[in-house]
């Protein structure tokens, strides 16, 4: 008889723990946004240079093979245009590193550096916007709506 009385509290504790676990599952499942994209995914994309971004976009928007090849061609053309700017931005980052490595921060030198590269910043922004616009023009109307809805969720 002694055995039964010792097992009873353990059974109820075990049942309570199992119930808590089952009740917590829906909360953890709903913690992830609708399609699995989250801030952590965005950070990982930046860290890995956006690897797999095209594949995720193609899957999410249900792009066909023709659309995927057109988008890849747009990105390759933009990459070719971007080679000069890439070198310019590299020298900007090097100059910025030397500015930041100084013992005291020189605001005037920073402003001069920003002004020196302002045209490059504008060109890079323009190229990025033109590329994004060209990619969006490949989408169908339904895909554009889905893409815009995804953009609104992030902001």
N, C-alpha and C. Protein backbone atom coordinates (compact mmCIF):
# COMPACT_ATOMS: atom_id res chain seq x y z
N UNK A 1 0.81 -1.19 0.00
CA UNK A 1 0.00 0.00 0.00
C UNK A 1 0.86 1.25 0.00
N UNK A 2 1.98 1.14 0.60
CA UNK A 2 2.86 2.29 0.69
C UNK A 2 3.31 2.73 -0.71
N UNK A 3 3.50 1.77 -1.59
CA UNK A 3 3.94 2.08 -2.94
C UNK A 3 2.92 2.94 -3.68
N UNK A 4 1.65 2.63 -3.55
CA UNK A 4 0.61 3.37 -4.26
C UNK A 4 0.56 4.82 -3.81
N UNK A 5 0.72 5.05 -2.54
CA UNK A 5 0.64 6.43 -2.05
C UNK A 5 1.83 7.26 -2.52
N UNK A 6 2.99 6.62 -2.71
CA UNK A 6 4.16 7.35 -3.21
C UNK A 6 4.05 7.64 -4.71
N UNK A 7 3.42 6.76 -5.45
CA UNK A 7 3.29 6.96 -6.89
C UNK A 7 2.23 7.99 -7.24
N UNK A 8 1.24 8.14 -6.43
CA UNK A 8 0.16 9.06 -6.74
C UNK A 8 0.63 10.51 -6.91
N UNK A 9 1.43 11.06 -6.00
CA UNK A 9 1.88 12.45 -6.22
C UNK A 9 2.75 12.59 -7.47
N UNK A 10 3.54 11.60 -7.77
CA UNK A 10 4.38 11.65 -8.96
C UNK A 10 3.54 11.66 -10.23
N UNK A 11 2.49 10.86 -10.24
CA UNK A 11 1.62 10.80 -11.41
C UNK A 11 0.95 12.15 -11.64
N UNK A 12 0.47 12.75 -10.58
CA UNK A 12 -0.21 14.03 -10.74
C UNK A 12 0.78 15.12 -11.16
N UNK A 13 1.98 15.09 -10.64
CA UNK A 13 3.01 16.07 -11.02
C UNK A 13 3.40 15.88 -12.48
N UNK A 14 3.56 14.63 -12.87
CA UNK A 14 3.90 14.32 -14.25
C UNK A 14 2.78 14.74 -15.20
N UNK A 15 1.55 14.48 -14.82
CA UNK A 15 0.40 14.87 -15.64
C UNK A 15 0.32 16.39 -15.75
N UNK A 16 0.59 17.10 -14.66
CA UNK A 16 0.56 18.56 -14.68
C UNK A 16 1.66 19.11 -15.59
N UNK A 17 2.85 18.53 -15.54
CA UNK A 17 3.96 18.97 -16.39
C UNK A 17 3.64 18.73 -17.87
N UNK A 18 3.04 17.58 -18.17
CA UNK A 18 2.66 17.27 -19.55
C UNK A 18 1.60 18.25 -20.04
N UNK A 19 0.64 18.56 -19.19
CA UNK A 19 -0.42 19.50 -19.55
C UNK A 19 0.16 20.89 -19.83
N UNK A 20 1.09 21.33 -18.99
CA UNK A 20 1.73 22.64 -19.20
C UNK A 20 2.49 22.66 -20.52
N UNK A 21 3.17 21.58 -20.83
CA UNK A 21 3.91 21.50 -22.09
C UNK A 21 3.00 21.57 -23.29
N UNK A 22 1.88 20.86 -23.22
CA UNK A 22 0.92 20.85 -24.33
C UNK A 22 0.29 22.23 -24.49
N UNK A 23 0.00 22.90 -23.40
CA UNK A 23 -0.60 24.23 -23.47
C UNK A 23 0.39 25.27 -23.99
N UNK A 24 1.67 25.06 -23.77
CA UNK A 24 2.68 26.03 -24.20
C UNK A 24 3.01 25.89 -25.69
N UNK A 25 2.74 24.75 -26.29
CA UNK A 25 3.09 24.54 -27.70
C UNK A 25 2.43 25.53 -28.66
N UNK A 26 1.14 25.80 -28.57
CA UNK A 26 0.56 26.77 -29.51
C UNK A 26 1.18 28.16 -29.38
N UNK A 27 1.56 28.56 -28.18
CA UNK A 27 2.19 29.87 -28.00
C UNK A 27 3.54 29.94 -28.68
N UNK A 28 4.33 28.89 -28.58
CA UNK A 28 5.64 28.91 -29.23
C UNK A 28 5.50 28.81 -30.74
N UNK A 29 4.49 28.11 -31.22
CA UNK A 29 4.28 28.01 -32.67
C UNK A 29 3.85 29.35 -33.25
N UNK A 30 3.07 30.10 -32.51
CA UNK A 30 2.60 31.39 -33.03
C UNK A 30 3.63 32.49 -32.84
N UNK A 31 4.73 32.21 -32.16
CA UNK A 31 5.77 33.22 -31.96
C UNK A 31 6.47 33.55 -33.26
N UNK A 32 6.50 32.62 -34.19
CA UNK A 32 7.14 32.84 -35.49
C UNK A 32 6.15 33.50 -36.43
N UNK A 33 6.53 34.56 -37.15
CA UNK A 33 5.60 35.23 -38.06
C UNK A 33 5.09 34.29 -39.15
N UNK A 34 4.10 34.75 -39.89
CA UNK A 34 3.36 33.96 -40.86
C UNK A 34 4.19 33.04 -41.75
N UNK A 35 5.19 33.55 -42.42
CA UNK A 35 5.91 32.72 -43.38
C UNK A 35 7.31 32.34 -42.91
N UNK A 36 7.63 32.57 -41.66
CA UNK A 36 8.92 32.18 -41.14
C UNK A 36 9.98 33.25 -41.21
N UNK A 37 9.69 34.39 -41.84
CA UNK A 37 10.67 35.47 -41.88
C UNK A 37 10.62 36.22 -40.55
N UNK A 38 11.75 36.51 -40.00
CA UNK A 38 11.79 37.26 -38.75
C UNK A 38 13.03 38.15 -38.76
N UNK A 39 13.15 38.94 -37.71
CA UNK A 39 14.30 39.83 -37.61
C UNK A 39 15.59 39.03 -37.59
N UNK A 40 15.55 37.88 -36.94
CA UNK A 40 16.75 37.04 -36.87
C UNK A 40 17.14 36.58 -38.28
N UNK A 41 16.14 36.20 -39.10
CA UNK A 41 16.44 35.79 -40.47
C UNK A 41 17.07 36.93 -41.25
N UNK A 42 16.57 38.15 -41.03
CA UNK A 42 17.10 39.31 -41.72
C UNK A 42 18.56 39.53 -41.33
N UNK A 43 18.86 39.40 -40.05
CA UNK A 43 20.24 39.54 -39.59
C UNK A 43 21.13 38.47 -40.23
N UNK A 44 20.62 37.26 -40.31
CA UNK A 44 21.41 36.19 -40.91
C UNK A 44 21.64 36.44 -42.39
N UNK A 45 20.63 37.00 -43.08
CA UNK A 45 20.81 37.31 -44.50
C UNK A 45 21.90 38.35 -44.69
N UNK A 46 21.93 39.35 -43.82
CA UNK A 46 22.98 40.37 -43.94
C UNK A 46 24.34 39.75 -43.69
N UNK A 47 24.40 38.87 -42.70
CA UNK A 47 25.67 38.25 -42.34
C UNK A 47 26.19 37.36 -43.46
N UNK A 48 25.29 36.68 -44.16
CA UNK A 48 25.70 35.76 -45.21
C UNK A 48 25.53 36.34 -46.60
N UNK A 49 25.40 37.65 -46.70
CA UNK A 49 25.33 38.30 -48.00
C UNK A 49 24.05 38.03 -48.76
N UNK A 50 22.98 37.70 -48.08
CA UNK A 50 21.70 37.50 -48.75
C UNK A 50 21.59 36.16 -49.46
N UNK A 51 22.40 35.19 -49.07
CA UNK A 51 22.35 33.88 -49.71
C UNK A 51 20.97 33.26 -49.51
N UNK A 52 20.41 32.75 -50.58
CA UNK A 52 19.10 32.12 -50.52
C UNK A 52 17.95 33.10 -50.58
N UNK A 53 18.24 34.37 -50.69
CA UNK A 53 17.18 35.38 -50.71
C UNK A 53 16.32 35.23 -51.96
N UNK A 54 16.95 34.99 -53.09
CA UNK A 54 16.21 34.82 -54.34
C UNK A 54 15.32 33.59 -54.26
N UNK A 55 15.83 32.52 -53.70
CA UNK A 55 15.06 31.29 -53.59
C UNK A 55 13.84 31.49 -52.69
N UNK A 56 14.03 32.20 -51.57
CA UNK A 56 12.91 32.47 -50.66
C UNK A 56 11.87 33.36 -51.33
N UNK A 57 12.34 34.37 -52.07
CA UNK A 57 11.41 35.26 -52.76
C UNK A 57 10.64 34.48 -53.83
N UNK A 58 11.33 33.63 -54.58
CA UNK A 58 10.68 32.85 -55.63
C UNK A 58 9.63 31.91 -55.03
N UNK A 59 9.94 31.32 -53.91
CA UNK A 59 9.00 30.42 -53.26
C UNK A 59 7.82 31.19 -52.68
N UNK A 60 8.11 32.31 -52.03
CA UNK A 60 7.06 33.10 -51.37
C UNK A 60 6.10 33.71 -52.39
N UNK A 61 6.63 34.24 -53.50
CA UNK A 61 5.79 34.88 -54.50
C UNK A 61 5.35 33.93 -55.61
N UNK A 62 5.81 32.68 -55.53
CA UNK A 62 5.47 31.65 -56.52
C UNK A 62 5.86 32.11 -57.93
N UNK A 63 7.12 32.48 -58.09
CA UNK A 63 7.64 32.93 -59.39
C UNK A 63 7.86 31.73 -60.30
N UNK A 64 7.65 31.91 -61.61
CA UNK A 64 7.94 30.83 -62.54
C UNK A 64 9.40 30.96 -63.02
N UNK A 65 9.84 30.00 -63.80
CA UNK A 65 11.25 29.96 -64.23
C UNK A 65 11.63 31.17 -65.08
N UNK A 66 10.72 31.63 -65.93
CA UNK A 66 11.01 32.79 -66.79
C UNK A 66 11.23 34.03 -65.93
N UNK A 67 10.37 34.22 -64.93
CA UNK A 67 10.51 35.37 -64.04
C UNK A 67 11.82 35.30 -63.27
N UNK A 68 12.16 34.12 -62.79
CA UNK A 68 13.41 33.95 -62.03
C UNK A 68 14.61 34.30 -62.91
N UNK A 69 14.62 33.83 -64.16
CA UNK A 69 15.76 34.12 -65.04
C UNK A 69 15.82 35.61 -65.37
N UNK A 70 14.66 36.27 -65.55
CA UNK A 70 14.65 37.71 -65.81
C UNK A 70 15.20 38.48 -64.61
N UNK A 71 14.80 38.09 -63.41
CA UNK A 71 15.27 38.77 -62.20
C UNK A 71 16.77 38.56 -62.03
N UNK A 72 17.25 37.36 -62.31
CA UNK A 72 18.69 37.10 -62.21
C UNK A 72 19.47 37.96 -63.19
N UNK A 73 18.93 38.12 -64.40
CA UNK A 73 19.59 38.96 -65.41
C UNK A 73 19.62 40.42 -64.96
N UNK A 74 18.55 40.88 -64.33
CA UNK A 74 18.50 42.25 -63.81
C UNK A 74 19.57 42.44 -62.75
N UNK A 75 19.68 41.47 -61.84
CA UNK A 75 20.67 41.57 -60.77
C UNK A 75 22.10 41.52 -61.31
N UNK A 76 22.34 40.69 -62.33
CA UNK A 76 23.68 40.63 -62.92
C UNK A 76 24.04 41.94 -63.61
N UNK A 77 23.09 42.54 -64.31
CA UNK A 77 23.34 43.82 -64.96
C UNK A 77 23.64 44.90 -63.92
N UNK A 78 22.90 44.88 -62.81
CA UNK A 78 23.14 45.85 -61.74
C UNK A 78 24.50 45.63 -61.11
N UNK A 79 24.90 44.37 -60.99
CA UNK A 79 26.22 44.07 -60.41
C UNK A 79 27.33 44.62 -61.29
N UNK A 80 27.16 44.49 -62.60
CA UNK A 80 28.16 45.03 -63.53
C UNK A 80 28.27 46.55 -63.41
N UNK A 81 27.12 47.21 -63.28
CA UNK A 81 27.12 48.67 -63.12
C UNK A 81 27.73 49.08 -61.78
N UNK A 82 27.64 48.20 -60.82
CA UNK A 82 28.03 48.52 -59.45
C UNK A 82 29.53 48.34 -59.19
N UNK A 83 30.29 47.81 -60.13
CA UNK A 83 31.70 47.53 -59.87
C UNK A 83 32.50 48.79 -59.55
N UNK A 84 32.26 49.86 -60.29
CA UNK A 84 32.99 51.12 -60.02
C UNK A 84 32.62 51.66 -58.64
N UNK A 85 31.32 51.63 -58.36
CA UNK A 85 30.87 52.14 -57.06
C UNK A 85 31.41 51.30 -55.91
N UNK A 86 31.58 50.01 -56.15
CA UNK A 86 32.09 49.13 -55.10
C UNK A 86 33.50 49.55 -54.68
N UNK A 87 34.33 49.89 -55.65
CA UNK A 87 35.69 50.35 -55.34
C UNK A 87 35.66 51.68 -54.59
N UNK A 88 34.78 52.57 -55.03
CA UNK A 88 34.65 53.87 -54.36
C UNK A 88 34.20 53.69 -52.92
N UNK A 89 33.23 52.81 -52.71
CA UNK A 89 32.72 52.59 -51.35
C UNK A 89 33.79 51.92 -50.47
N UNK A 90 34.63 51.11 -51.08
CA UNK A 90 35.70 50.48 -50.32
C UNK A 90 36.68 51.53 -49.81
N UNK A 91 37.04 52.49 -50.67
CA UNK A 91 37.94 53.55 -50.21
C UNK A 91 37.26 54.42 -49.15
N UNK A 92 35.94 54.63 -49.30
CA UNK A 92 35.21 55.38 -48.27
C UNK A 92 35.30 54.67 -46.92
N UNK A 93 35.07 53.37 -46.92
CA UNK A 93 35.13 52.61 -45.66
C UNK A 93 36.52 52.65 -45.04
N UNK A 94 37.56 52.59 -45.88
CA UNK A 94 38.92 52.66 -45.36
C UNK A 94 39.19 54.02 -44.72
N UNK A 95 38.75 55.09 -45.40
CA UNK A 95 38.93 56.43 -44.83
C UNK A 95 38.12 56.59 -43.55
N UNK A 96 36.94 55.99 -43.52
CA UNK A 96 36.10 56.06 -42.33
C UNK A 96 36.76 55.32 -41.16
N UNK A 97 37.39 54.19 -41.45
CA UNK A 97 38.08 53.45 -40.39
C UNK A 97 39.20 54.28 -39.78
N UNK A 98 39.97 54.97 -40.63
CA UNK A 98 41.05 55.80 -40.08
C UNK A 98 40.48 56.95 -39.27
N UNK A 99 39.36 57.49 -39.70
CA UNK A 99 38.70 58.57 -38.96
C UNK A 99 38.21 58.08 -37.60
N UNK A 100 37.66 56.88 -37.57
CA UNK A 100 37.14 56.33 -36.32
C UNK A 100 38.26 55.85 -35.39
N UNK A 101 39.40 55.53 -35.96
CA UNK A 101 40.51 55.05 -35.14
C UNK A 101 41.22 56.19 -34.42
N UNK A 102 40.94 57.42 -34.79
CA UNK A 102 41.58 58.57 -34.15
C UNK A 102 41.18 58.64 -32.68
N UNK A 103 42.04 59.25 -31.89
CA UNK A 103 41.79 59.33 -30.45
C UNK A 103 40.57 60.18 -30.13
N UNK A 104 40.38 61.27 -30.87
CA UNK A 104 39.19 62.11 -30.69
C UNK A 104 38.45 62.17 -32.02
N UNK A 105 37.13 62.24 -31.94
CA UNK A 105 36.31 62.27 -33.14
C UNK A 105 36.29 63.67 -33.73
N UNK A 106 36.61 63.77 -35.01
CA UNK A 106 36.65 65.05 -35.71
C UNK A 106 35.39 65.19 -36.56
N UNK A 107 34.44 65.99 -36.09
CA UNK A 107 33.17 66.16 -36.79
C UNK A 107 33.36 66.81 -38.15
N UNK A 108 34.26 67.76 -38.24
CA UNK A 108 34.50 68.44 -39.52
C UNK A 108 35.06 67.48 -40.56
N UNK A 109 35.97 66.62 -40.13
CA UNK A 109 36.54 65.65 -41.06
C UNK A 109 35.47 64.65 -41.52
N UNK A 110 34.58 64.28 -40.60
CA UNK A 110 33.48 63.38 -40.96
C UNK A 110 32.55 64.04 -41.97
N UNK A 111 32.19 65.30 -41.73
CA UNK A 111 31.32 66.03 -42.66
C UNK A 111 31.98 66.16 -44.03
N UNK A 112 33.29 66.43 -44.04
CA UNK A 112 34.01 66.55 -45.31
C UNK A 112 34.04 65.21 -46.04
N UNK A 113 34.22 64.13 -45.30
CA UNK A 113 34.23 62.79 -45.90
C UNK A 113 32.86 62.46 -46.49
N UNK A 114 31.82 62.76 -45.75
CA UNK A 114 30.46 62.52 -46.25
C UNK A 114 30.19 63.34 -47.52
N UNK A 115 30.60 64.58 -47.50
CA UNK A 115 30.39 65.45 -48.66
C UNK A 115 31.19 64.97 -49.87
N UNK A 116 32.40 64.49 -49.61
CA UNK A 116 33.27 64.00 -50.68
C UNK A 116 32.62 62.82 -51.42
N UNK A 117 31.94 61.95 -50.69
CA UNK A 117 31.36 60.74 -51.28
C UNK A 117 29.85 60.84 -51.50
N UNK A 118 29.28 62.01 -51.33
CA UNK A 118 27.83 62.17 -51.45
C UNK A 118 27.32 61.74 -52.83
N UNK A 119 28.03 62.09 -53.87
CA UNK A 119 27.60 61.71 -55.22
C UNK A 119 27.59 60.19 -55.38
N UNK A 120 28.59 59.52 -54.81
CA UNK A 120 28.63 58.05 -54.88
C UNK A 120 27.46 57.44 -54.12
N UNK A 121 27.13 58.01 -52.97
CA UNK A 121 25.98 57.52 -52.20
C UNK A 121 24.70 57.65 -53.02
N UNK A 122 24.56 58.78 -53.69
CA UNK A 122 23.35 59.00 -54.50
C UNK A 122 23.30 58.04 -55.68
N UNK A 123 24.43 57.80 -56.32
CA UNK A 123 24.47 56.87 -57.44
C UNK A 123 24.12 55.46 -56.99
N UNK A 124 24.66 55.08 -55.84
CA UNK A 124 24.39 53.74 -55.31
C UNK A 124 22.91 53.59 -54.97
N UNK A 125 22.34 54.61 -54.34
CA UNK A 125 20.92 54.58 -54.01
C UNK A 125 20.04 54.54 -55.25
N UNK A 126 20.43 55.32 -56.27
CA UNK A 126 19.68 55.34 -57.52
C UNK A 126 19.73 53.97 -58.20
N UNK A 127 20.91 53.38 -58.25
CA UNK A 127 21.05 52.06 -58.86
C UNK A 127 20.22 51.02 -58.12
N UNK A 128 20.23 51.09 -56.81
CA UNK A 128 19.44 50.14 -56.00
C UNK A 128 17.95 50.31 -56.27
N UNK A 129 17.49 51.55 -56.33
CA UNK A 129 16.07 51.81 -56.58
C UNK A 129 15.67 51.37 -57.99
N UNK A 130 16.52 51.64 -58.98
CA UNK A 130 16.22 51.24 -60.36
C UNK A 130 16.17 49.72 -60.47
N UNK A 131 17.08 49.04 -59.79
CA UNK A 131 17.10 47.58 -59.83
C UNK A 131 15.84 47.01 -59.19
N UNK A 132 15.48 47.54 -58.04
CA UNK A 132 14.28 47.07 -57.35
C UNK A 132 13.04 47.31 -58.21
N UNK A 133 12.97 48.47 -58.86
CA UNK A 133 11.83 48.79 -59.73
C UNK A 133 11.76 47.81 -60.90
N UNK A 134 12.91 47.51 -61.50
CA UNK A 134 12.93 46.58 -62.63
C UNK A 134 12.48 45.18 -62.20
N UNK A 135 12.88 44.76 -61.01
CA UNK A 135 12.47 43.45 -60.49
C UNK A 135 10.97 43.43 -60.27
N UNK A 136 10.43 44.48 -59.69
CA UNK A 136 8.99 44.53 -59.40
C UNK A 136 8.18 44.50 -60.70
N UNK A 137 8.72 45.07 -61.78
CA UNK A 137 8.00 45.07 -63.05
C UNK A 137 7.87 43.67 -63.65
N UNK A 138 8.70 42.74 -63.19
CA UNK A 138 8.63 41.36 -63.66
C UNK A 138 7.43 40.64 -63.02
N UNK A 139 7.02 41.07 -61.84
CA UNK A 139 5.94 40.42 -61.10
C UNK A 139 4.59 40.60 -61.80
N UNK A 140 3.69 39.63 -61.57
CA UNK A 140 2.30 39.80 -61.99
C UNK A 140 1.61 40.70 -60.97
N UNK A 141 0.37 41.10 -61.27
CA UNK A 141 -0.36 41.98 -60.35
C UNK A 141 -0.56 41.32 -58.99
N UNK A 142 -0.88 40.02 -58.98
CA UNK A 142 -1.07 39.32 -57.71
C UNK A 142 0.23 39.25 -56.92
N UNK A 143 1.34 39.01 -57.62
CA UNK A 143 2.64 38.94 -56.95
C UNK A 143 3.04 40.30 -56.40
N UNK A 144 2.71 41.37 -57.14
CA UNK A 144 3.00 42.73 -56.65
C UNK A 144 2.24 42.99 -55.36
N UNK A 145 0.96 42.61 -55.32
CA UNK A 145 0.16 42.80 -54.11
C UNK A 145 0.75 42.02 -52.95
N UNK A 146 1.14 40.79 -53.20
CA UNK A 146 1.72 39.95 -52.14
C UNK A 146 3.04 40.54 -51.66
N UNK A 147 3.85 41.04 -52.60
CA UNK A 147 5.14 41.65 -52.24
C UNK A 147 4.92 42.90 -51.40
N UNK A 148 3.98 43.76 -51.83
CA UNK A 148 3.68 44.98 -51.08
C UNK A 148 3.14 44.66 -49.70
N UNK A 149 2.31 43.63 -49.59
CA UNK A 149 1.79 43.24 -48.28
C UNK A 149 2.93 42.78 -47.37
N UNK A 150 3.90 42.08 -47.93
CA UNK A 150 5.06 41.66 -47.14
C UNK A 150 5.90 42.84 -46.69
N UNK A 151 6.01 43.86 -47.52
CA UNK A 151 6.76 45.07 -47.17
C UNK A 151 6.05 45.81 -46.03
N UNK A 152 4.72 45.87 -46.08
CA UNK A 152 3.98 46.59 -45.04
C UNK A 152 4.08 45.88 -43.70
N UNK A 153 4.18 44.55 -43.72
CA UNK A 153 4.33 43.80 -42.47
C UNK A 153 5.64 44.12 -41.79
N UNK A 154 6.69 44.39 -42.57
CA UNK A 154 8.01 44.64 -42.00
C UNK A 154 8.15 46.03 -41.41
N UNK A 155 7.32 46.97 -41.87
CA UNK A 155 7.47 48.33 -41.36
C UNK A 155 6.54 48.62 -40.21
